[in-house]
Amino acid sequence: MKIRNTLMALAMIAGFAGTTLVAPAQSNTLTLYQGAQINARLRNAIDSGSAHVGDRFVMDVVPPYPSGNPAFQGAIIAGEITSVTHAGQGRKPSLGMQFDYLRLADGSTVDISASMTQDQKKQQQGNGAKVALATIGGMLLGNVIGKTIFHTGGGGLVGAAGGLLYGLNGKTNFTLPSGSNVQLTLNQTVTIRRQAGGGQ
């Protein structure tokens, strides 16, 4: 009887040890599901009047984080301008944006496919002044762009979708100011494999 009890106790200890060994490996994987929303803040202004195809931009991920997970503190999103139409006679200003990757503070990086679903932009008036607009959603046309077509960085085969951002009229350019808040929505699920020692 004592032997049986001892064996049962050892089995329980082994099972517990196995669980504790698996937990760190699980915590080093972070999954963001399709439809997840990421709030970010632009580091540099982007202007439809001066932007060029290939210009790079960086956004800082800001609270509220996806699922309230603090692992996104200090994360960035990097991307580039894929198309530009300057305001002019019969031309409505627009910017095509592609989001290449999400990088956590510990250096863990994953290619993403996302669309900007909210933005804060300023429209230029005829006299050159700029008027701040309220946050606008739904101003984007989905525009899936294959990285291999544009030979952009990131190293992955994931097609990035950023959308085409239009001005509110066809006469003047618009600006996404430095420090403005935007919201991205993931078009597909991604899994980030954390760097060693980077688990929260």
N, C-alpha and C. Protein backbone atom coordinates (compact mmCIF):
# COMPACT_ATOMS: atom_id res chain seq x y z
N MET A 1 0.83 -1.21 0.00
CA MET A 1 0.00 0.00 0.00
C MET A 1 0.86 1.25 0.00
N LYS A 2 1.92 1.17 0.85
CA LYS A 2 2.80 2.32 0.93
C LYS A 2 3.52 2.53 -0.40
N ILE A 3 3.89 1.41 -1.03
CA ILE A 3 4.58 1.51 -2.32
C ILE A 3 3.68 2.16 -3.36
N ARG A 4 2.38 1.75 -3.34
CA ARG A 4 1.44 2.33 -4.29
C ARG A 4 1.28 3.83 -4.07
N ASN A 5 1.15 4.22 -2.80
CA ASN A 5 1.01 5.65 -2.49
C ASN A 5 2.25 6.43 -2.92
N THR A 6 3.40 5.81 -2.71
CA THR A 6 4.65 6.48 -3.09
C THR A 6 4.72 6.67 -4.60
N LEU A 7 4.32 5.64 -5.36
CA LEU A 7 4.32 5.74 -6.81
C LEU A 7 3.35 6.79 -7.32
N MET A 8 2.19 6.87 -6.67
CA MET A 8 1.21 7.88 -7.06
C MET A 8 1.75 9.28 -6.81
N ALA A 9 2.42 9.44 -5.67
CA ALA A 9 2.99 10.74 -5.33
C ALA A 9 4.06 11.14 -6.34
N LEU A 10 4.91 10.18 -6.72
CA LEU A 10 5.95 10.46 -7.70
C LEU A 10 5.34 10.82 -9.06
N ALA A 11 4.26 10.12 -9.42
CA ALA A 11 3.60 10.43 -10.69
C ALA A 11 3.04 11.84 -10.70
N MET A 12 2.46 12.26 -9.56
CA MET A 12 1.92 13.62 -9.46
C MET A 12 3.04 14.65 -9.57
N ILE A 13 4.16 14.38 -8.91
CA ILE A 13 5.28 15.31 -8.97
C ILE A 13 5.82 15.41 -10.39
N ALA A 14 5.92 14.26 -11.07
CA ALA A 14 6.41 14.26 -12.45
C ALA A 14 5.47 15.04 -13.37
N GLY A 15 4.16 14.83 -13.15
CA GLY A 15 3.18 15.57 -13.96
C GLY A 15 3.28 17.06 -13.74
N PHE A 16 3.47 17.47 -12.50
CA PHE A 16 3.59 18.90 -12.18
C PHE A 16 4.85 19.47 -12.82
N ALA A 17 5.95 18.70 -12.72
CA ALA A 17 7.21 19.16 -13.32
C ALA A 17 7.07 19.32 -14.82
N GLY A 18 6.36 18.37 -15.46
CA GLY A 18 6.16 18.46 -16.89
C GLY A 18 5.38 19.71 -17.27
N THR A 19 4.37 20.05 -16.47
CA THR A 19 3.56 21.24 -16.73
C THR A 19 4.41 22.50 -16.63
N THR A 20 5.24 22.58 -15.61
CA THR A 20 6.06 23.78 -15.43
C THR A 20 7.10 23.91 -16.52
N LEU A 21 7.53 22.82 -17.11
CA LEU A 21 8.50 22.90 -18.19
C LEU A 21 7.86 23.38 -19.48
N VAL A 22 6.61 23.04 -19.69
CA VAL A 22 5.92 23.41 -20.93
C VAL A 22 5.51 24.88 -20.89
N ALA A 23 5.17 25.40 -19.73
CA ALA A 23 4.63 26.76 -19.62
C ALA A 23 5.52 27.84 -20.22
N PRO A 24 6.85 27.84 -19.92
CA PRO A 24 7.68 28.88 -20.50
C PRO A 24 7.68 28.86 -22.03
N ALA A 25 7.69 27.64 -22.61
CA ALA A 25 7.67 27.55 -24.07
C ALA A 25 6.39 28.15 -24.64
N GLN A 26 5.26 27.90 -23.96
CA GLN A 26 4.00 28.44 -24.42
C GLN A 26 3.99 29.97 -24.29
N SER A 27 4.56 30.50 -23.19
CA SER A 27 4.53 31.94 -22.96
C SER A 27 5.44 32.68 -23.94
N ASN A 28 6.35 31.97 -24.62
CA ASN A 28 7.25 32.60 -25.59
C ASN A 28 6.63 32.69 -26.98
N THR A 29 5.39 32.27 -27.11
CA THR A 29 4.66 32.40 -28.37
C THR A 29 3.48 33.34 -28.17
N LEU A 30 3.38 34.33 -29.04
CA LEU A 30 2.32 35.33 -28.91
C LEU A 30 1.53 35.35 -30.21
N THR A 31 0.22 35.13 -30.13
CA THR A 31 -0.62 35.07 -31.32
C THR A 31 -1.57 36.26 -31.39
N LEU A 32 -1.63 36.88 -32.56
CA LEU A 32 -2.60 37.93 -32.85
C LEU A 32 -3.53 37.40 -33.94
N TYR A 33 -4.82 37.38 -33.64
CA TYR A 33 -5.77 36.77 -34.56
C TYR A 33 -6.29 37.76 -35.59
N GLN A 34 -6.74 37.24 -36.71
CA GLN A 34 -7.35 38.06 -37.74
C GLN A 34 -8.46 38.92 -37.15
N GLY A 35 -8.46 40.20 -37.49
CA GLY A 35 -9.45 41.12 -36.95
C GLY A 35 -8.98 41.86 -35.72
N ALA A 36 -7.83 41.46 -35.15
CA ALA A 36 -7.30 42.16 -33.98
C ALA A 36 -6.95 43.59 -34.36
N GLN A 37 -7.24 44.51 -33.45
CA GLN A 37 -6.97 45.93 -33.71
C GLN A 37 -5.75 46.37 -32.93
N ILE A 38 -4.87 47.11 -33.61
CA ILE A 38 -3.64 47.61 -33.00
C ILE A 38 -3.65 49.12 -33.08
N ASN A 39 -3.49 49.78 -31.96
CA ASN A 39 -3.42 51.24 -31.92
C ASN A 39 -1.96 51.67 -32.03
N ALA A 40 -1.71 52.68 -32.84
CA ALA A 40 -0.34 53.11 -33.07
C ALA A 40 -0.27 54.63 -33.23
N ARG A 41 0.96 55.15 -33.13
CA ARG A 41 1.18 56.60 -33.23
C ARG A 41 2.34 56.85 -34.19
N LEU A 42 2.11 57.69 -35.19
CA LEU A 42 3.13 57.99 -36.19
C LEU A 42 4.30 58.77 -35.60
N ARG A 43 5.52 58.37 -35.95
CA ARG A 43 6.70 59.09 -35.49
C ARG A 43 6.98 60.31 -36.36
N ASN A 44 6.71 60.19 -37.67
CA ASN A 44 6.99 61.27 -38.60
C ASN A 44 5.77 61.56 -39.44
N ALA A 45 5.62 62.82 -39.82
CA ALA A 45 4.48 63.22 -40.64
C ALA A 45 4.59 62.62 -42.04
N ILE A 46 3.44 62.32 -42.63
CA ILE A 46 3.37 61.84 -44.01
C ILE A 46 2.43 62.79 -44.76
N ASP A 47 2.93 63.42 -45.81
CA ASP A 47 2.17 64.43 -46.55
C ASP A 47 2.00 63.98 -47.99
N SER A 48 0.76 64.03 -48.49
CA SER A 48 0.51 63.60 -49.86
C SER A 48 1.17 64.54 -50.88
N GLY A 49 1.54 65.73 -50.45
CA GLY A 49 2.17 66.68 -51.36
C GLY A 49 3.67 66.48 -51.49
N SER A 50 4.31 65.83 -50.51
CA SER A 50 5.77 65.68 -50.55
C SER A 50 6.25 64.24 -50.45
N ALA A 51 5.34 63.31 -50.20
CA ALA A 51 5.74 61.90 -50.05
C ALA A 51 6.16 61.31 -51.39
N HIS A 52 6.99 60.28 -51.32
CA HIS A 52 7.44 59.58 -52.51
C HIS A 52 7.29 58.07 -52.31
N VAL A 53 7.07 57.37 -53.41
CA VAL A 53 7.00 55.92 -53.33
C VAL A 53 8.32 55.38 -52.78
N GLY A 54 8.23 54.49 -51.81
CA GLY A 54 9.43 53.93 -51.18
C GLY A 54 9.79 54.59 -49.87
N ASP A 55 9.19 55.75 -49.55
CA ASP A 55 9.44 56.39 -48.26
C ASP A 55 9.05 55.44 -47.13
N ARG A 56 9.92 55.31 -46.14
CA ARG A 56 9.64 54.45 -45.00
C ARG A 56 8.99 55.25 -43.87
N PHE A 57 8.20 54.57 -43.05
CA PHE A 57 7.62 55.21 -41.87
C PHE A 57 7.58 54.21 -40.72
N VAL A 58 7.54 54.74 -39.52
CA VAL A 58 7.51 53.91 -38.31
C VAL A 58 6.40 54.42 -37.40
N MET A 59 5.67 53.48 -36.80
CA MET A 59 4.63 53.79 -35.82
C MET A 59 4.95 53.09 -34.51
N ASP A 60 4.71 53.78 -33.41
CA ASP A 60 4.84 53.17 -32.09
C ASP A 60 3.50 52.59 -31.66
N VAL A 61 3.49 51.33 -31.24
CA VAL A 61 2.26 50.72 -30.73
C VAL A 61 1.95 51.33 -29.37
N VAL A 62 0.72 51.77 -29.17
CA VAL A 62 0.33 52.46 -27.95
C VAL A 62 -0.90 51.79 -27.33
N PRO A 63 -1.14 52.03 -26.03
CA PRO A 63 -2.34 51.47 -25.38
C PRO A 63 -3.61 52.06 -25.98
N PRO A 64 -4.74 51.37 -25.86
CA PRO A 64 -4.87 50.01 -25.31
C PRO A 64 -4.29 48.96 -26.24
N TYR A 65 -3.48 48.07 -25.68
CA TYR A 65 -2.84 47.02 -26.47
C TYR A 65 -3.84 45.91 -26.79
N PRO A 66 -3.56 45.10 -27.82
CA PRO A 66 -4.44 43.97 -28.13
C PRO A 66 -4.60 43.05 -26.92
N SER A 67 -5.82 42.79 -26.52
CA SER A 67 -6.15 41.95 -25.37
C SER A 67 -5.53 42.48 -24.08
N GLY A 68 -5.11 43.73 -24.07
CA GLY A 68 -4.51 44.31 -22.87
C GLY A 68 -3.16 43.72 -22.53
N ASN A 69 -2.51 43.08 -23.48
CA ASN A 69 -1.25 42.38 -23.23
C ASN A 69 -0.08 43.36 -23.16
N PRO A 70 0.63 43.44 -22.01
CA PRO A 70 1.74 44.38 -21.88
C PRO A 70 2.95 44.02 -22.72
N ALA A 71 2.95 42.84 -23.35
CA ALA A 71 4.07 42.44 -24.21
C ALA A 71 4.24 43.40 -25.38
N PHE A 72 3.18 44.18 -25.71
CA PHE A 72 3.25 45.10 -26.84
C PHE A 72 3.81 46.47 -26.46
N GLN A 73 4.15 46.65 -25.18
CA GLN A 73 4.75 47.92 -24.77
C GLN A 73 6.12 48.06 -25.44
N GLY A 74 6.36 49.19 -26.08
CA GLY A 74 7.62 49.42 -26.76
C GLY A 74 7.70 48.82 -28.15
N ALA A 75 6.61 48.23 -28.64
CA ALA A 75 6.60 47.63 -29.97
C ALA A 75 6.47 48.71 -31.04
N ILE A 76 6.92 48.40 -32.25
CA ILE A 76 6.79 49.31 -33.38
C ILE A 76 6.19 48.57 -34.57
N ILE A 77 5.63 49.34 -35.49
CA ILE A 77 5.18 48.82 -36.78
C ILE A 77 5.88 49.65 -37.86
N ALA A 78 6.49 48.98 -38.83
CA ALA A 78 7.20 49.67 -39.90
C ALA A 78 6.52 49.39 -41.23
N GLY A 79 6.58 50.36 -42.12
CA GLY A 79 5.98 50.20 -43.42
C GLY A 79 6.56 51.18 -44.42
N GLU A 80 5.91 51.26 -45.58
CA GLU A 80 6.40 52.18 -46.60
C GLU A 80 5.25 52.68 -47.47
N ILE A 81 5.53 53.77 -48.17
CA ILE A 81 4.57 54.35 -49.10
C ILE A 81 4.69 53.61 -50.43
N THR A 82 3.58 53.12 -50.94
CA THR A 82 3.59 52.34 -52.18
C THR A 82 3.03 53.09 -53.38
N SER A 83 2.28 54.16 -53.13
CA SER A 83 1.77 54.97 -54.24
C SER A 83 1.44 56.36 -53.71
N VAL A 84 1.61 57.36 -54.57
CA VAL A 84 1.33 58.75 -54.20
C VAL A 84 0.66 59.44 -55.37
N THR A 85 -0.43 60.13 -55.08
CA THR A 85 -1.05 61.02 -56.06
C THR A 85 -1.14 62.40 -55.43
N HIS A 86 -0.41 63.36 -56.00
CA HIS A 86 -0.44 64.73 -55.49
C HIS A 86 -1.72 65.43 -55.96
N ALA A 87 -2.21 66.33 -55.13
CA ALA A 87 -3.40 67.08 -55.51
C ALA A 87 -3.13 67.91 -56.75
N GLY A 88 -4.11 68.01 -57.62
CA GLY A 88 -3.96 68.81 -58.83
C GLY A 88 -5.27 68.89 -59.56
N GLN A 89 -5.24 69.52 -60.72
CA GLN A 89 -6.44 69.68 -61.51
C GLN A 89 -6.99 68.31 -61.91
N GLY A 90 -8.16 67.98 -61.38
CA GLY A 90 -8.78 66.71 -61.68
C GLY A 90 -8.15 65.52 -60.99
N ARG A 91 -7.23 65.77 -60.05
CA ARG A 91 -6.58 64.68 -59.34
C ARG A 91 -6.87 64.78 -57.84
N LYS A 92 -7.41 63.72 -57.30
CA LYS A 92 -7.67 63.68 -55.87
C LYS A 92 -6.44 63.11 -55.17
N PRO A 93 -5.94 63.80 -54.13
CA PRO A 93 -4.72 63.32 -53.48
C PRO A 93 -4.95 61.98 -52.78
N SER A 94 -3.94 61.11 -52.85
CA SER A 94 -4.07 59.81 -52.19
C SER A 94 -2.69 59.29 -51.81
N LEU A 95 -2.69 58.39 -50.84
CA LEU A 95 -1.47 57.72 -50.40
C LEU A 95 -1.74 56.23 -50.27
N GLY A 96 -0.93 55.41 -50.90
CA GLY A 96 -0.99 53.97 -50.69
C GLY A 96 0.02 53.59 -49.64
N MET A 97 -0.41 52.87 -48.62
CA MET A 97 0.47 52.52 -47.50
C MET A 97 0.52 51.01 -47.31
N GLN A 98 1.70 50.53 -47.04
CA GLN A 98 1.91 49.10 -46.80
C GLN A 98 2.57 48.93 -45.44
N PHE A 99 2.09 47.98 -44.66
CA PHE A 99 2.67 47.68 -43.35
C PHE A 99 3.45 46.39 -43.45
N ASP A 100 4.75 46.48 -43.17
CA ASP A 100 5.63 45.34 -43.40
C ASP A 100 5.75 44.40 -42.22
N TYR A 101 6.02 44.94 -41.04
CA TYR A 101 6.25 44.05 -39.90
C TYR A 101 5.96 44.74 -38.57
N LEU A 102 5.75 43.89 -37.57
CA LEU A 102 5.59 44.31 -36.18
C LEU A 102 6.80 43.81 -35.42
N ARG A 103 7.46 44.69 -34.65
CA ARG A 103 8.62 44.30 -33.87
C ARG A 103 8.40 44.64 -32.40
N LEU A 104 8.54 43.65 -31.54
CA LEU A 104 8.40 43.86 -30.10
C LEU A 104 9.68 44.48 -29.55
N ALA A 105 9.60 44.95 -28.31
CA ALA A 105 10.74 45.61 -27.68
C ALA A 105 11.93 44.68 -27.54
N ASP A 106 11.68 43.36 -27.45
CA ASP A 106 12.79 42.41 -27.29
C ASP A 106 13.41 42.01 -28.62
N GLY A 107 12.94 42.60 -29.72
CA GLY A 107 13.49 42.31 -31.04
C GLY A 107 12.73 41.27 -31.83
N SER A 108 11.77 40.59 -31.20
CA SER A 108 10.96 39.60 -31.92
C SER A 108 10.17 40.30 -33.03
N THR A 109 10.22 39.75 -34.24
CA THR A 109 9.63 40.40 -35.40
C THR A 109 8.77 39.43 -36.19
N VAL A 110 7.65 39.93 -36.71
CA VAL A 110 6.78 39.11 -37.54
C VAL A 110 6.22 39.97 -38.67
N ASP A 111 6.15 39.42 -39.88
CA ASP A 111 5.51 40.10 -41.01
C ASP A 111 4.01 40.17 -40.74
N ILE A 112 3.40 41.27 -41.10
CA ILE A 112 1.96 41.42 -40.87
C ILE A 112 1.26 41.84 -42.16
N SER A 113 -0.01 41.53 -42.22
CA SER A 113 -0.91 42.01 -43.25
C SER A 113 -2.02 42.76 -42.53
N ALA A 114 -2.08 44.07 -42.72
CA ALA A 114 -3.03 44.89 -41.96
C ALA A 114 -3.56 46.03 -42.81
N SER A 115 -4.71 46.54 -42.43
CA SER A 115 -5.31 47.70 -43.07
C SER A 115 -5.52 48.79 -42.04
N MET A 116 -5.27 50.04 -42.45
CA MET A 116 -5.54 51.17 -41.56
C MET A 116 -7.05 51.42 -41.57
N THR A 117 -7.68 51.32 -40.43
CA THR A 117 -9.14 51.48 -40.36
C THR A 117 -9.56 52.77 -39.70
N GLN A 118 -8.61 53.49 -39.09
CA GLN A 118 -8.90 54.82 -38.56
C GLN A 118 -7.64 55.67 -38.72
N ASP A 119 -7.86 56.96 -38.97
CA ASP A 119 -6.72 57.86 -39.10
C ASP A 119 -7.10 59.25 -38.62
N GLN A 120 -6.09 60.05 -38.35
CA GLN A 120 -6.28 61.46 -38.04
C GLN A 120 -5.46 62.24 -39.05
N LYS A 121 -6.12 62.90 -39.99
CA LYS A 121 -5.36 63.64 -40.99
C LYS A 121 -5.82 65.09 -41.04
N LYS A 122 -4.95 65.91 -41.61
CA LYS A 122 -5.25 67.33 -41.75
C LYS A 122 -5.32 67.66 -43.24
N GLN A 123 -6.38 68.39 -43.60
CA GLN A 123 -6.57 68.79 -44.99
C GLN A 123 -6.08 70.22 -45.16
N GLN A 124 -5.29 70.46 -46.22
CA GLN A 124 -4.83 71.81 -46.48
C GLN A 124 -5.93 72.62 -47.16
N GLN A 125 -6.03 73.85 -46.73
CA GLN A 125 -7.00 74.76 -47.36
C GLN A 125 -6.29 75.55 -48.45
N GLY A 126 -7.09 76.32 -49.21
CA GLY A 126 -6.52 77.10 -50.30
C GLY A 126 -5.46 78.08 -49.86
N ASN A 127 -5.58 78.62 -48.64
CA ASN A 127 -4.62 79.60 -48.15
C ASN A 127 -3.42 78.95 -47.47
N GLY A 128 -3.33 77.62 -47.52
CA GLY A 128 -2.19 76.93 -46.95
C GLY A 128 -2.39 76.50 -45.51
N ALA A 129 -3.46 76.98 -44.88
CA ALA A 129 -3.71 76.59 -43.50
C ALA A 129 -4.17 75.15 -43.46
N LYS A 130 -4.01 74.54 -42.30
CA LYS A 130 -4.43 73.15 -42.14
C LYS A 130 -5.46 73.08 -41.03
N VAL A 131 -6.50 72.32 -41.26
CA VAL A 131 -7.57 72.17 -40.29
C VAL A 131 -7.60 70.72 -39.81
N ALA A 132 -7.50 70.54 -38.49
CA ALA A 132 -7.51 69.17 -37.95
C ALA A 132 -8.90 68.58 -38.10
N LEU A 133 -8.94 67.33 -38.50
CA LEU A 133 -10.20 66.63 -38.67
C LEU A 133 -10.36 65.60 -37.57
N ALA A 134 -11.59 65.26 -37.27
CA ALA A 134 -11.84 64.21 -36.29
C ALA A 134 -11.36 62.88 -36.85
N THR A 135 -11.15 61.93 -35.94
CA THR A 135 -10.75 60.60 -36.36
C THR A 135 -11.79 60.02 -37.30
N ILE A 136 -11.33 59.52 -38.42
CA ILE A 136 -12.23 59.05 -39.46
C ILE A 136 -12.00 57.57 -39.69
N GLY A 137 -13.05 56.81 -39.71
CA GLY A 137 -12.94 55.39 -40.05
C GLY A 137 -13.57 55.14 -41.40
N GLY A 138 -13.16 54.09 -42.05
CA GLY A 138 -13.78 53.70 -43.31
C GLY A 138 -13.40 54.56 -44.49
N MET A 139 -12.29 55.32 -44.41
CA MET A 139 -11.86 56.16 -45.52
C MET A 139 -10.88 55.43 -46.43
N LEU A 140 -10.72 54.14 -46.21
CA LEU A 140 -9.70 53.41 -46.93
C LEU A 140 -10.30 52.37 -47.87
N LEU A 141 -9.68 52.20 -49.00
CA LEU A 141 -10.05 51.12 -49.90
C LEU A 141 -9.03 50.01 -49.73
N GLY A 142 -9.50 48.80 -49.49
CA GLY A 142 -8.57 47.69 -49.31
C GLY A 142 -7.69 47.54 -50.55
N ASN A 143 -6.40 47.35 -50.33
CA ASN A 143 -5.46 47.30 -51.44
C ASN A 143 -4.36 46.32 -51.08
N VAL A 144 -4.54 45.04 -51.43
CA VAL A 144 -3.56 44.03 -51.08
C VAL A 144 -2.37 44.13 -52.01
N ILE A 145 -1.20 44.25 -51.42
CA ILE A 145 0.01 44.46 -52.19
C ILE A 145 1.01 43.36 -51.87
N GLY A 146 1.44 42.59 -52.86
CA GLY A 146 2.42 41.53 -52.62
C GLY A 146 3.80 42.13 -52.44
N LYS A 147 4.49 41.71 -51.40
CA LYS A 147 5.83 42.24 -51.17
C LYS A 147 6.78 41.87 -52.31
N THR A 148 6.58 40.71 -52.91
CA THR A 148 7.49 40.29 -53.96
C THR A 148 7.36 41.17 -55.19
N ILE A 149 6.20 41.78 -55.38
CA ILE A 149 6.01 42.66 -56.55
C ILE A 149 6.84 43.92 -56.40
N PHE A 150 6.84 44.48 -55.17
CA PHE A 150 7.54 45.73 -54.93
C PHE A 150 8.95 45.52 -54.39
N HIS A 151 9.32 44.24 -54.18
CA HIS A 151 10.66 43.92 -53.68
C HIS A 151 10.96 44.66 -52.39
N THR A 152 10.01 44.66 -51.49
CA THR A 152 10.19 45.35 -50.22
C THR A 152 10.84 44.43 -49.21
N GLY A 153 11.27 45.02 -48.08
CA GLY A 153 11.95 44.26 -47.04
C GLY A 153 10.99 43.40 -46.26
N GLY A 154 11.55 42.66 -45.33
CA GLY A 154 10.73 41.82 -44.47
C GLY A 154 11.03 40.36 -44.67
N GLY A 155 11.44 39.99 -45.88
CA GLY A 155 11.88 38.64 -46.12
C GLY A 155 10.78 37.61 -46.21
N GLY A 156 9.54 37.98 -45.97
CA GLY A 156 8.46 37.00 -45.99
C GLY A 156 7.71 37.03 -47.29
N LEU A 157 6.83 36.06 -47.47
CA LEU A 157 6.00 35.99 -48.66
C LEU A 157 4.60 36.48 -48.36
N VAL A 158 4.41 37.04 -47.17
CA VAL A 158 3.08 37.51 -46.76
C VAL A 158 2.74 38.77 -47.53
N GLY A 159 1.59 38.81 -48.16
CA GLY A 159 1.14 40.03 -48.83
C GLY A 159 0.69 41.03 -47.79
N ALA A 160 1.15 42.27 -47.91
CA ALA A 160 0.79 43.29 -46.93
C ALA A 160 -0.33 44.14 -47.50
N ALA A 161 -1.32 44.43 -46.70
CA ALA A 161 -2.43 45.28 -47.14
C ALA A 161 -2.44 46.53 -46.29
N GLY A 162 -2.40 47.68 -46.92
CA GLY A 162 -2.41 48.91 -46.15
C GLY A 162 -3.61 49.76 -46.48
N GLY A 163 -4.03 49.70 -47.75
CA GLY A 163 -5.17 50.50 -48.15
C GLY A 163 -4.73 51.76 -48.85
N LEU A 164 -5.67 52.42 -49.47
CA LEU A 164 -5.43 53.66 -50.18
C LEU A 164 -6.17 54.77 -49.45
N LEU A 165 -5.41 55.72 -48.93
CA LEU A 165 -5.97 56.81 -48.13
C LEU A 165 -6.18 58.02 -49.02
N TYR A 166 -7.42 58.52 -49.06
CA TYR A 166 -7.77 59.63 -49.94
C TYR A 166 -7.96 60.93 -49.15
N GLY A 167 -7.69 62.05 -49.84
CA GLY A 167 -8.02 63.35 -49.28
C GLY A 167 -9.52 63.58 -49.39
N LEU A 168 -9.98 64.61 -48.72
CA LEU A 168 -11.41 64.89 -48.70
C LEU A 168 -11.87 65.71 -49.91
N ASN A 169 -10.92 66.27 -50.64
CA ASN A 169 -11.29 66.95 -51.87
C ASN A 169 -10.14 66.82 -52.86
N GLY A 170 -10.40 67.21 -54.09
CA GLY A 170 -9.40 67.02 -55.14
C GLY A 170 -8.52 68.22 -55.38
N LYS A 171 -8.57 69.24 -54.53
CA LYS A 171 -7.82 70.46 -54.79
C LYS A 171 -6.57 70.62 -53.93
N THR A 172 -6.60 70.06 -52.73
CA THR A 172 -5.49 70.28 -51.81
C THR A 172 -5.00 68.97 -51.22
N ASN A 173 -3.74 68.95 -50.84
CA ASN A 173 -3.13 67.78 -50.25
C ASN A 173 -3.53 67.63 -48.78
N PHE A 174 -3.18 66.50 -48.21
CA PHE A 174 -3.49 66.26 -46.80
C PHE A 174 -2.26 65.68 -46.11
N THR A 175 -2.28 65.74 -44.78
CA THR A 175 -1.15 65.30 -43.98
C THR A 175 -1.61 64.38 -42.86
N LEU A 176 -0.85 63.31 -42.65
CA LEU A 176 -0.97 62.53 -41.42
C LEU A 176 0.13 63.08 -40.51
N PRO A 177 -0.22 63.89 -39.51
CA PRO A 177 0.80 64.59 -38.72
C PRO A 177 1.63 63.65 -37.86
N SER A 178 2.84 64.08 -37.55
CA SER A 178 3.66 63.37 -36.58
C SER A 178 2.94 63.33 -35.25
N GLY A 179 2.89 62.17 -34.62
CA GLY A 179 2.20 62.03 -33.34
C GLY A 179 0.72 61.73 -33.47
N SER A 180 0.21 61.63 -34.70
CA SER A 180 -1.22 61.34 -34.86
C SER A 180 -1.48 59.86 -34.60
N ASN A 181 -2.66 59.58 -34.11
CA ASN A 181 -3.05 58.21 -33.77
C ASN A 181 -3.75 57.54 -34.94
N VAL A 182 -3.43 56.29 -35.16
CA VAL A 182 -4.07 55.50 -36.20
C VAL A 182 -4.46 54.14 -35.60
N GLN A 183 -5.33 53.46 -36.27
CA GLN A 183 -5.72 52.12 -35.83
C GLN A 183 -5.60 51.17 -37.02
N LEU A 184 -4.92 50.05 -36.79
CA LEU A 184 -4.75 49.03 -37.81
C LEU A 184 -5.57 47.80 -37.44
N THR A 185 -6.09 47.11 -38.44
CA THR A 185 -6.80 45.86 -38.23
C THR A 185 -6.09 44.76 -39.01
N LEU A 186 -5.74 43.67 -38.33
CA LEU A 186 -5.02 42.58 -38.98
C LEU A 186 -5.92 41.85 -39.97
N ASN A 187 -5.38 41.55 -41.14
CA ASN A 187 -6.11 40.82 -42.16
C ASN A 187 -5.93 39.31 -42.05
N GLN A 188 -4.96 38.89 -41.26
CA GLN A 188 -4.73 37.46 -41.07
C GLN A 188 -4.04 37.23 -39.73
N THR A 189 -4.18 36.03 -39.21
CA THR A 189 -3.58 35.67 -37.93
C THR A 189 -2.07 35.53 -38.07
N VAL A 190 -1.34 36.04 -37.07
CA VAL A 190 0.12 35.91 -37.05
C VAL A 190 0.55 35.41 -35.67
N THR A 191 1.66 34.69 -35.64
CA THR A 191 2.22 34.20 -34.39
C THR A 191 3.65 34.72 -34.26
N ILE A 192 3.91 35.37 -33.15
CA ILE A 192 5.24 35.92 -32.88
C ILE A 192 5.98 34.96 -31.96
N ARG A 193 7.14 34.53 -32.38
CA ARG A 193 7.97 33.67 -31.54
C ARG A 193 8.96 34.57 -30.81
N ARG A 194 8.77 34.67 -29.51
CA ARG A 194 9.54 35.59 -28.69
C ARG A 194 11.01 35.22 -28.63
N GLN A 195 11.86 36.23 -28.50
CA GLN A 195 13.29 36.01 -28.28
C GLN A 195 13.50 35.34 -26.94
N ALA A 196 14.60 34.60 -26.79
CA ALA A 196 14.90 33.93 -25.53
C ALA A 196 14.93 34.94 -24.39
N GLY A 197 14.19 34.65 -23.34
CA GLY A 197 14.13 35.56 -22.20
C GLY A 197 13.20 36.73 -22.39
N GLY A 198 12.45 36.72 -23.54
CA GLY A 198 11.57 37.85 -23.81
C GLY A 198 10.14 37.65 -23.38
N GLY A 199 9.82 36.52 -22.77
CA GLY A 199 8.44 36.25 -22.35
C GLY A 199 8.02 37.13 -21.22
N GLN A 200 6.74 37.49 -21.19
CA GLN A 200 6.19 38.32 -20.13
C GLN A 200 5.61 37.45 -19.04
